[in-house]
Amino acid sequence: MSTLEQTKALTLCVLIPTYNNEKTLPSVIDAVLLYCSDVIVVNDGSTDKTTKILNDYTDKITVLSYPKNKGKGYALKTGFREARQKGFRYVLTLDSDGQHFADDIPNFIKAVEKHPDALVIGSRNFNQPNMKQGSLFANKFSNFWVSVQTGKVLPDTQTGYRLYPLRRMKKILPFCSRYEAEIELLVRCAWKGISLIAIPIQVYYPPMEERVSHFRPNRDFLRISLLNTLLCFLAVVYGYPSLLYHKIIKGL
């Protein structure tokens, strides 16, 4: 069975949030379409040529757009809602900046076939050329707090390359509107008893002069820190009891 047939059988779609990635977006979409014919792109208020590019794909993919940038978390929420309305069981998310490789999609499929309704998280190799030390520190910082909040040790909690078990998540949607939404989703899914499975993925870090990043180091790091403070409080009053409950249920 080909990967195209497997994604159909799993009722899986690919969700690509995008904001001002006109240089890499076409190649990302073209590569993904080789593995999955159900693709949703959320144009998060782009001001470059993204809208024009997406107009050329309207007969192949679903395009959702709004005029003002609202953040990655909001884009994910928009895409998840669309995927639910279309009846998909799984949503595989990847970034539009060219750092993720579509030929890793079969590995996500193998993982979810082995662990049905798990949240499969791509784990990057950080021993790469052009890797910023600040990004490495931020990921270690995030990994630590997620382990405190869930008891689950993960090698990469900030990657955007993930396979979400949408049907198993039921009504879970991110409250946060920007990058911290992906941490929030990990923690809330773990509290719901959803298994978190990490798999290795390829990653490409372009030279600094070619890189397009919308991460705002000071502001976004503050937002992540505030979220972790809130999640640590919620872990005590809700998260840990919920984890214990689901552990007992699974053991019965």
C-alpha atoms as a PDB file:
ATOM      1  CA  MET A   1       0.000   0.000   0.000  1.00  0.00           C
ATOM      2  CA  SER A   2       1.410   3.421  -0.951  1.00  0.00           C
ATOM      3  CA  THR A   3       1.667   6.264   1.541  1.00  0.00           C
ATOM      4  CA  LEU A   4      -1.128   8.082  -0.306  1.00  0.00           C
ATOM      5  CA  GLU A   5      -3.349   5.045   0.239  1.00  0.00           C
ATOM      6  CA  GLN A   6      -2.269   4.735   3.884  1.00  0.00           C
ATOM      7  CA  THR A   7      -3.159   8.337   4.697  1.00  0.00           C
ATOM      8  CA  LYS A   8      -6.567   7.800   3.085  1.00  0.00           C
ATOM      9  CA  ALA A   9      -7.112   4.612   5.072  1.00  0.00           C
ATOM     10  CA  LEU A  10      -6.173   6.374   8.319  1.00  0.00           C
ATOM     11  CA  THR A  11      -8.382   9.372   7.427  1.00  0.00           C
ATOM     12  CA  LEU A  12      -5.351  11.591   7.942  1.00  0.00           C
ATOM     13  CA  CYS A  13      -4.806  15.101   6.634  1.00  0.00           C
ATOM     14  CA  VAL A  14      -1.765  17.369   6.691  1.00  0.00           C
ATOM     15  CA  LEU A  15      -2.082  20.835   8.213  1.00  0.00           C
ATOM     16  CA  ILE A  16       0.423  23.550   7.255  1.00  0.00           C
ATOM     17  CA  PRO A  17       0.181  26.892   9.086  1.00  0.00           C
ATOM     18  CA  THR A  18       2.022  29.585   7.156  1.00  0.00           C
ATOM     19  CA  TYR A  19       3.003  33.208   7.627  1.00  0.00           C
ATOM     20  CA  ASN A  20       5.228  35.029   5.130  1.00  0.00           C
ATOM     21  CA  ASN A  21       7.103  31.968   3.819  1.00  0.00           C
ATOM     22  CA  GLU A  22       6.696  32.666   0.114  1.00  0.00           C
ATOM     23  CA  LYS A  23      10.139  31.277  -0.768  1.00  0.00           C
ATOM     24  CA  THR A  24       9.626  27.829   0.725  1.00  0.00           C
ATOM     25  CA  LEU A  25       5.836  27.316   0.750  1.00  0.00           C
ATOM     26  CA  PRO A  26       5.430  25.954  -2.837  1.00  0.00           C
ATOM     27  CA  SER A  27       8.123  23.303  -2.421  1.00  0.00           C
ATOM     28  CA  VAL A  28       6.692  22.265   0.958  1.00  0.00           C
ATOM     29  CA  ILE A  29       3.186  21.824  -0.481  1.00  0.00           C
ATOM     30  CA  ASP A  30       4.461  19.981  -3.560  1.00  0.00           C
ATOM     31  CA  ALA A  31       6.481  17.581  -1.404  1.00  0.00           C
ATOM     32  CA  VAL A  32       3.583  16.887   0.974  1.00  0.00           C
ATOM     33  CA  LEU A  33       1.171  16.168  -1.898  1.00  0.00           C
ATOM     34  CA  LEU A  34       3.371  13.240  -2.902  1.00  0.00           C
ATOM     35  CA  TYR A  35       2.433  11.539   0.386  1.00  0.00           C
ATOM     36  CA  CYS A  36      -1.021  12.880   1.242  1.00  0.00           C
ATOM     37  CA  SER A  37      -3.781  14.221  -0.992  1.00  0.00           C
ATOM     38  CA  ASP A  38      -5.709  15.863   1.875  1.00  0.00           C
ATOM     39  CA  VAL A  39      -3.866  19.066   2.750  1.00  0.00           C
ATOM     40  CA  ILE A  40      -5.086  22.110   4.682  1.00  0.00           C
ATOM     41  CA  VAL A  41      -3.029  25.310   4.559  1.00  0.00           C
ATOM     42  CA  VAL A  42      -3.881  28.117   6.977  1.00  0.00           C
ATOM     43  CA  ASN A  43      -2.678  31.495   5.702  1.00  0.00           C
ATOM     44  CA  ASP A  44      -2.135  33.347   8.982  1.00  0.00           C
ATOM     45  CA  GLY A  45      -2.449  36.895   7.668  1.00  0.00           C
ATOM     46  CA  SER A  46       0.581  36.779   5.359  1.00  0.00           C
ATOM     47  CA  THR A  47       1.629  40.063   3.761  1.00  0.00           C
ATOM     48  CA  ASP A  48       4.000  38.655   1.106  1.00  0.00           C
ATOM     49  CA  LYS A  49       3.074  36.641  -2.020  1.00  0.00           C
ATOM     50  CA  THR A  50       1.577  33.748  -0.038  1.00  0.00           C
ATOM     51  CA  THR A  51      -2.010  34.476  -1.112  1.00  0.00           C
ATOM     52  CA  LYS A  52      -1.025  34.511  -4.783  1.00  0.00           C
ATOM     53  CA  ILE A  53       0.896  31.249  -4.383  1.00  0.00           C
ATOM     54  CA  LEU A  54      -2.031  29.533  -2.669  1.00  0.00           C
ATOM     55  CA  ASN A  55      -4.412  30.636  -5.428  1.00  0.00           C
ATOM     56  CA  ASP A  56      -2.517  28.261  -7.730  1.00  0.00           C
ATOM     57  CA  TYR A  57      -3.289  25.314  -5.419  1.00  0.00           C
ATOM     58  CA  THR A  58      -7.008  25.806  -4.753  1.00  0.00           C
ATOM     59  CA  ASP A  59      -7.919  22.792  -6.923  1.00  0.00           C
ATOM     60  CA  LYS A  60      -5.543  20.531  -4.961  1.00  0.00           C
ATOM     61  CA  ILE A  61      -5.736  21.640  -1.312  1.00  0.00           C
ATOM     62  CA  THR A  62      -7.989  23.394   1.201  1.00  0.00           C
ATOM     63  CA  VAL A  63      -6.921  26.988   1.876  1.00  0.00           C
ATOM     64  CA  LEU A  64      -8.095  28.932   4.926  1.00  0.00           C
ATOM     65  CA  SER A  65      -7.143  32.608   5.174  1.00  0.00           C
ATOM     66  CA  TYR A  66      -7.762  35.664   7.311  1.00  0.00           C
ATOM     67  CA  PRO A  67      -6.333  39.175   6.832  1.00  0.00           C
ATOM     68  CA  LYS A  68      -4.499  39.786  10.131  1.00  0.00           C
ATOM     69  CA  ASN A  69      -1.734  37.674  11.651  1.00  0.00           C
ATOM     70  CA  LYS A  70      -3.059  35.960  14.796  1.00  0.00           C
ATOM     71  CA  GLY A  71      -0.280  33.515  15.629  1.00  0.00           C
ATOM     72  CA  LYS A  72       0.549  29.860  15.149  1.00  0.00           C
ATOM     73  CA  GLY A  73      -1.752  28.673  17.922  1.00  0.00           C
ATOM     74  CA  TYR A  74      -4.717  30.383  16.311  1.00  0.00           C
ATOM     75  CA  ALA A  75      -3.761  28.920  12.920  1.00  0.00           C
ATOM     76  CA  LEU A  76      -3.611  25.419  14.420  1.00  0.00           C
ATOM     77  CA  LYS A  77      -7.006  25.919  16.052  1.00  0.00           C
ATOM     78  CA  THR A  78      -8.467  27.047  12.725  1.00  0.00           C
ATOM     79  CA  GLY A  79      -6.998  24.045  10.928  1.00  0.00           C
ATOM     80  CA  PHE A  80      -8.104  21.552  13.592  1.00  0.00           C
ATOM     81  CA  ARG A  81     -11.677  22.831  13.375  1.00  0.00           C
ATOM     82  CA  GLU A  82     -11.680  22.406   9.616  1.00  0.00           C
ATOM     83  CA  ALA A  83     -10.225  18.902   9.900  1.00  0.00           C
ATOM     84  CA  ARG A  84     -12.900  17.915  12.417  1.00  0.00           C
ATOM     85  CA  GLN A  85     -15.658  19.230  10.172  1.00  0.00           C
ATOM     86  CA  LYS A  86     -14.236  17.115   7.334  1.00  0.00           C
ATOM     87  CA  GLY A  87     -14.199  14.014   9.548  1.00  0.00           C
ATOM     88  CA  PHE A  88     -10.443  13.370   9.783  1.00  0.00           C
ATOM     89  CA  ARG A  89      -9.161  11.126  12.551  1.00  0.00           C
ATOM     90  CA  TYR A  90      -5.563  12.354  12.469  1.00  0.00           C
ATOM     91  CA  VAL A  91      -3.888  15.666  11.653  1.00  0.00           C
ATOM     92  CA  LEU A  92      -0.201  15.798  10.807  1.00  0.00           C
ATOM     93  CA  THR A  93       1.259  19.302  11.220  1.00  0.00           C
ATOM     94  CA  LEU A  94       4.472  20.622   9.733  1.00  0.00           C
ATOM     95  CA  ASP A  95       5.974  24.055   9.220  1.00  0.00           C
ATOM     96  CA  SER A  96       6.120  25.908   5.913  1.00  0.00           C
ATOM     97  CA  ASP A  97       9.662  27.247   6.311  1.00  0.00           C
ATOM     98  CA  GLY A  98      11.323  24.254   4.658  1.00  0.00           C
ATOM     99  CA  GLN A  99      12.933  22.875   7.836  1.00  0.00           C
ATOM    100  CA  HIS A 100      10.796  19.720   7.823  1.00  0.00           C
ATOM    101  CA  PHE A 101      11.020  16.915   5.264  1.00  0.00           C
ATOM    102  CA  ALA A 102       7.853  15.426   3.794  1.00  0.00           C
ATOM    103  CA  ASP A 103       9.604  12.084   3.317  1.00  0.00           C
ATOM    104  CA  ASP A 104       9.377  11.604   7.094  1.00  0.00           C
ATOM    105  CA  ILE A 105       5.583  11.239   6.758  1.00  0.00           C
ATOM    106  CA  PRO A 106       5.781   7.423   6.327  1.00  0.00           C
ATOM    107  CA  ASN A 107       7.615   7.231   9.671  1.00  0.00           C
ATOM    108  CA  PHE A 108       4.757   9.041  11.400  1.00  0.00           C
ATOM    109  CA  ILE A 109       2.319   6.596   9.814  1.00  0.00           C
ATOM    110  CA  LYS A 110       4.338   3.601  11.036  1.00  0.00           C
ATOM    111  CA  ALA A 111       4.403   5.057  14.551  1.00  0.00           C
ATOM    112  CA  VAL A 112       0.658   5.664  14.748  1.00  0.00           C
ATOM    113  CA  GLU A 113      -0.107   2.235  13.280  1.00  0.00           C
ATOM    114  CA  LYS A 114       1.961   0.763  16.115  1.00  0.00           C
ATOM    115  CA  HIS A 115       0.499   3.165  18.700  1.00  0.00           C
ATOM    116  CA  PRO A 116      -3.058   4.028  17.581  1.00  0.00           C
ATOM    117  CA  ASP A 117      -4.408   7.355  18.819  1.00  0.00           C
ATOM    118  CA  ALA A 118      -1.030   8.438  20.204  1.00  0.00           C
ATOM    119  CA  LEU A 119       0.344  11.932  19.725  1.00  0.00           C
ATOM    120  CA  VAL A 120       3.500  11.358  17.665  1.00  0.00           C
ATOM    121  CA  ILE A 121       6.146  14.053  18.076  1.00  0.00           C
ATOM    122  CA  GLY A 122       9.051  14.566  15.715  1.00  0.00           C
ATOM    123  CA  SER A 123      12.396  14.765  17.488  1.00  0.00           C
ATOM    124  CA  ARG A 124      15.073  16.849  15.785  1.00  0.00           C
ATOM    125  CA  ASN A 125      18.803  16.194  15.813  1.00  0.00           C
ATOM    126  CA  PHE A 126      20.259  19.294  17.434  1.00  0.00           C
ATOM    127  CA  ASN A 127      23.841  18.461  16.439  1.00  0.00           C
ATOM    128  CA  GLN A 128      23.366  20.269  13.152  1.00  0.00           C
ATOM    129  CA  PRO A 129      25.250  23.036  11.360  1.00  0.00           C
ATOM    130  CA  ASN A 130      23.667  26.493  11.787  1.00  0.00           C
ATOM    131  CA  MET A 131      21.840  25.425  14.976  1.00  0.00           C
ATOM    132  CA  LYS A 132      21.459  28.415  17.307  1.00  0.00           C
ATOM    133  CA  GLN A 133      22.498  27.867  20.923  1.00  0.00           C
ATOM    134  CA  GLY A 134      19.539  29.947  22.039  1.00  0.00           C
ATOM    135  CA  SER A 135      17.166  27.494  20.383  1.00  0.00           C
ATOM    136  CA  LEU A 136      18.919  24.572  22.049  1.00  0.00           C
ATOM    137  CA  PHE A 137      18.572  26.206  25.473  1.00  0.00           C
ATOM    138  CA  ALA A 138      14.900  27.042  24.868  1.00  0.00           C
ATOM    139  CA  ASN A 139      14.163  23.430  23.941  1.00  0.00           C
ATOM    140  CA  LYS A 140      15.926  22.045  27.018  1.00  0.00           C
ATOM    141  CA  PHE A 141      14.035  24.563  29.149  1.00  0.00           C
ATOM    142  CA  SER A 142      10.741  23.461  27.623  1.00  0.00           C
ATOM    143  CA  ASN A 143      11.588  19.746  27.899  1.00  0.00           C
ATOM    144  CA  PHE A 144      12.239  20.125  31.610  1.00  0.00           C
ATOM    145  CA  TRP A 145       8.942  21.822  32.378  1.00  0.00           C
ATOM    146  CA  VAL A 146       6.897  19.419  30.268  1.00  0.00           C
ATOM    147  CA  SER A 147       8.472  16.520  32.179  1.00  0.00           C
ATOM    148  CA  VAL A 148       7.529  18.206  35.472  1.00  0.00           C
ATOM    149  CA  GLN A 149       3.952  18.783  34.301  1.00  0.00           C
ATOM    150  CA  THR A 150       3.352  15.352  32.749  1.00  0.00           C
ATOM    151  CA  GLY A 151       6.001  12.951  34.075  1.00  0.00           C
ATOM    152  CA  LYS A 152       6.936  12.278  30.444  1.00  0.00           C
ATOM    153  CA  VAL A 153      10.523  12.902  29.304  1.00  0.00           C
ATOM    154  CA  LEU A 154      10.603  13.998  25.662  1.00  0.00           C
ATOM    155  CA  PRO A 155      13.672  14.956  23.600  1.00  0.00           C
ATOM    156  CA  ASP A 156      11.986  17.765  21.643  1.00  0.00           C
ATOM    157  CA  THR A 157       8.883  19.568  22.904  1.00  0.00           C
ATOM    158  CA  GLN A 158       9.101  22.562  20.561  1.00  0.00           C
ATOM    159  CA  THR A 159       8.991  20.906  17.161  1.00  0.00           C
ATOM    160  CA  GLY A 160       6.039  21.689  14.911  1.00  0.00           C
ATOM    161  CA  TYR A 161       6.224  18.330  13.114  1.00  0.00           C
ATOM    162  CA  ARG A 162       3.594  16.205  14.865  1.00  0.00           C
ATOM    163  CA  LEU A 163       0.765  13.783  14.267  1.00  0.00           C
ATOM    164  CA  TYR A 164      -2.250  14.631  16.432  1.00  0.00           C
ATOM    165  CA  PRO A 165      -4.955  12.013  17.189  1.00  0.00           C
ATOM    166  CA  LEU A 166      -7.750  14.472  16.505  1.00  0.00           C
ATOM    167  CA  ARG A 167     -10.637  12.105  17.254  1.00  0.00           C
ATOM    168  CA  ARG A 168      -9.017  10.955  20.520  1.00  0.00           C
ATOM    169  CA  MET A 169      -8.458  14.587  21.516  1.00  0.00           C
ATOM    170  CA  LYS A 170     -12.196  15.206  21.172  1.00  0.00           C
ATOM    171  CA  LYS A 171     -12.780  18.913  21.903  1.00  0.00           C
ATOM    172  CA  ILE A 172      -9.202  19.862  22.816  1.00  0.00           C
ATOM    173  CA  LEU A 173      -8.114  23.028  21.002  1.00  0.00           C
ATOM    174  CA  PRO A 174      -5.283  25.364  22.016  1.00  0.00           C
ATOM    175  CA  PHE A 175      -6.181  28.294  24.252  1.00  0.00           C
ATOM    176  CA  CYS A 176      -2.866  29.995  23.495  1.00  0.00           C
ATOM    177  CA  SER A 177      -2.628  31.850  20.203  1.00  0.00           C
ATOM    178  CA  ARG A 178       1.106  31.771  19.457  1.00  0.00           C
ATOM    179  CA  TYR A 179       4.099  29.417  19.652  1.00  0.00           C
ATOM    180  CA  GLU A 180       3.409  28.333  23.223  1.00  0.00           C
ATOM    181  CA  ALA A 181       0.235  26.594  21.984  1.00  0.00           C
ATOM    182  CA  GLU A 182       2.275  23.555  20.951  1.00  0.00           C
ATOM    183  CA  ILE A 183       3.567  23.075  24.503  1.00  0.00           C
ATOM    184  CA  GLU A 184       0.054  23.541  25.852  1.00  0.00           C
ATOM    185  CA  LEU A 185      -1.293  20.836  23.520  1.00  0.00           C
ATOM    186  CA  LEU A 186       1.386  18.347  24.594  1.00  0.00           C
ATOM    187  CA  VAL A 187       0.576  18.808  28.268  1.00  0.00           C
ATOM    188  CA  ARG A 188      -3.207  18.773  27.915  1.00  0.00           C
ATOM    189  CA  CYS A 189      -3.115  15.660  25.713  1.00  0.00           C
ATOM    190  CA  ALA A 190      -0.916  13.882  28.276  1.00  0.00           C
ATOM    191  CA  TRP A 191      -3.369  14.799  31.050  1.00  0.00           C
ATOM    192  CA  LYS A 192      -6.156  13.285  28.950  1.00  0.00           C
ATOM    193  CA  GLY A 193      -4.318   9.965  28.902  1.00  0.00           C
ATOM    194  CA  ILE A 194      -3.066  10.254  25.317  1.00  0.00           C
ATOM    195  CA  SER A 195       0.296   8.553  24.800  1.00  0.00           C
ATOM    196  CA  LEU A 196       3.160  10.805  23.701  1.00  0.00           C
ATOM    197  CA  ILE A 197       5.505   9.026  21.286  1.00  0.00           C
ATOM    198  CA  ALA A 198       8.736  10.608  19.995  1.00  0.00           C
ATOM    199  CA  ILE A 199      10.298   9.603  16.673  1.00  0.00           C
ATOM    200  CA  PRO A 200      13.465  10.966  15.014  1.00  0.00           C
ATOM    201  CA  ILE A 201      12.990  13.351  12.102  1.00  0.00           C
ATOM    202  CA  GLN A 202      15.256  15.106   9.656  1.00  0.00           C
ATOM    203  CA  VAL A 203      15.646  18.860   9.901  1.00  0.00           C
ATOM    204  CA  TYR A 204      17.251  21.528   7.762  1.00  0.00           C
ATOM    205  CA  TYR A 205      18.639  24.696   9.323  1.00  0.00           C
ATOM    206  CA  PRO A 206      19.436  27.253   6.617  1.00  0.00           C
ATOM    207  CA  PRO A 207      22.286  29.729   7.104  1.00  0.00           C
ATOM    208  CA  MET A 208      21.333  32.669   9.316  1.00  0.00           C
ATOM    209  CA  GLU A 209      21.195  35.092   6.378  1.00  0.00           C
ATOM    210  CA  GLU A 210      18.591  32.880   4.652  1.00  0.00           C
ATOM    211  CA  ARG A 211      16.503  32.034   7.701  1.00  0.00           C
ATOM    212  CA  VAL A 212      12.989  33.441   8.139  1.00  0.00           C
ATOM    213  CA  SER A 213      11.834  33.240  11.747  1.00  0.00           C
ATOM    214  CA  HIS A 214       8.789  34.805  13.332  1.00  0.00           C
ATOM    215  CA  PHE A 215       9.783  33.778  16.855  1.00  0.00           C
ATOM    216  CA  ARG A 216      10.170  36.856  19.052  1.00  0.00           C
ATOM    217  CA  PRO A 217      12.794  35.761  21.613  1.00  0.00           C
ATOM    218  CA  ASN A 218      11.973  38.055  24.538  1.00  0.00           C
ATOM    219  CA  ARG A 219       8.201  38.300  24.167  1.00  0.00           C
ATOM    220  CA  ASP A 220       7.595  34.670  23.227  1.00  0.00           C
ATOM    221  CA  PHE A 221       9.955  33.345  25.906  1.00  0.00           C
ATOM    222  CA  LEU A 222       7.987  35.378  28.452  1.00  0.00           C
ATOM    223  CA  ARG A 223       4.715  33.930  27.165  1.00  0.00           C
ATOM    224  CA  ILE A 224       6.139  30.400  27.424  1.00  0.00           C
ATOM    225  CA  SER A 225       7.357  31.075  30.965  1.00  0.00           C
ATOM    226  CA  LEU A 226       3.944  32.363  32.029  1.00  0.00           C
ATOM    227  CA  LEU A 227       2.280  29.337  30.458  1.00  0.00           C
ATOM    228  CA  ASN A 228       4.619  26.961  32.307  1.00  0.00           C
ATOM    229  CA  THR A 229       3.806  28.699  35.595  1.00  0.00           C
ATOM    230  CA  LEU A 230       0.084  28.214  34.965  1.00  0.00           C
ATOM    231  CA  LEU A 231       0.522  24.603  33.819  1.00  0.00           C
ATOM    232  CA  CYS A 232       2.539  23.721  36.935  1.00  0.00           C
ATOM    233  CA  PHE A 233      -0.325  24.998  39.104  1.00  0.00           C
ATOM    234  CA  LEU A 234      -2.920  23.144  37.026  1.00  0.00           C
ATOM    235  CA  ALA A 235      -0.789  19.972  37.127  1.00  0.00           C
ATOM    236  CA  VAL A 236      -1.181  19.852  40.914  1.00  0.00           C
ATOM    237  CA  VAL A 237      -4.934  20.482  41.027  1.00  0.00           C
ATOM    238  CA  TYR A 238      -5.922  18.614  37.848  1.00  0.00           C
ATOM    239  CA  GLY A 239      -3.095  17.162  35.766  1.00  0.00           C
ATOM    240  CA  TYR A 240      -1.549  14.696  38.243  1.00  0.00           C
ATOM    241  CA  PRO A 241      -4.924  13.338  39.444  1.00  0.00           C
ATOM    242  CA  SER A 242      -6.004  12.943  35.813  1.00  0.00           C
ATOM    243  CA  LEU A 243      -2.778  11.113  34.922  1.00  0.00           C
ATOM    244  CA  LEU A 244      -3.302   8.771  37.882  1.00  0.00           C
ATOM    245  CA  TYR A 245      -6.909   8.140  36.873  1.00  0.00           C
ATOM    246  CA  HIS A 246      -5.989   7.251  33.287  1.00  0.00           C
ATOM    247  CA  LYS A 247      -3.140   5.030  34.512  1.00  0.00           C
ATOM    248  CA  ILE A 248      -5.553   3.110  36.736  1.00  0.00           C
ATOM    249  CA  ILE A 249      -8.137   2.818  33.948  1.00  0.00           C
ATOM    250  CA  LYS A 250      -5.527   1.442  31.525  1.00  0.00           C
ATOM    251  CA  GLY A 251      -4.393  -1.052  34.160  1.00  0.00           C
ATOM    252  CA  LEU A 252      -7.868  -2.503  34.659  1.00  0.00           C
END
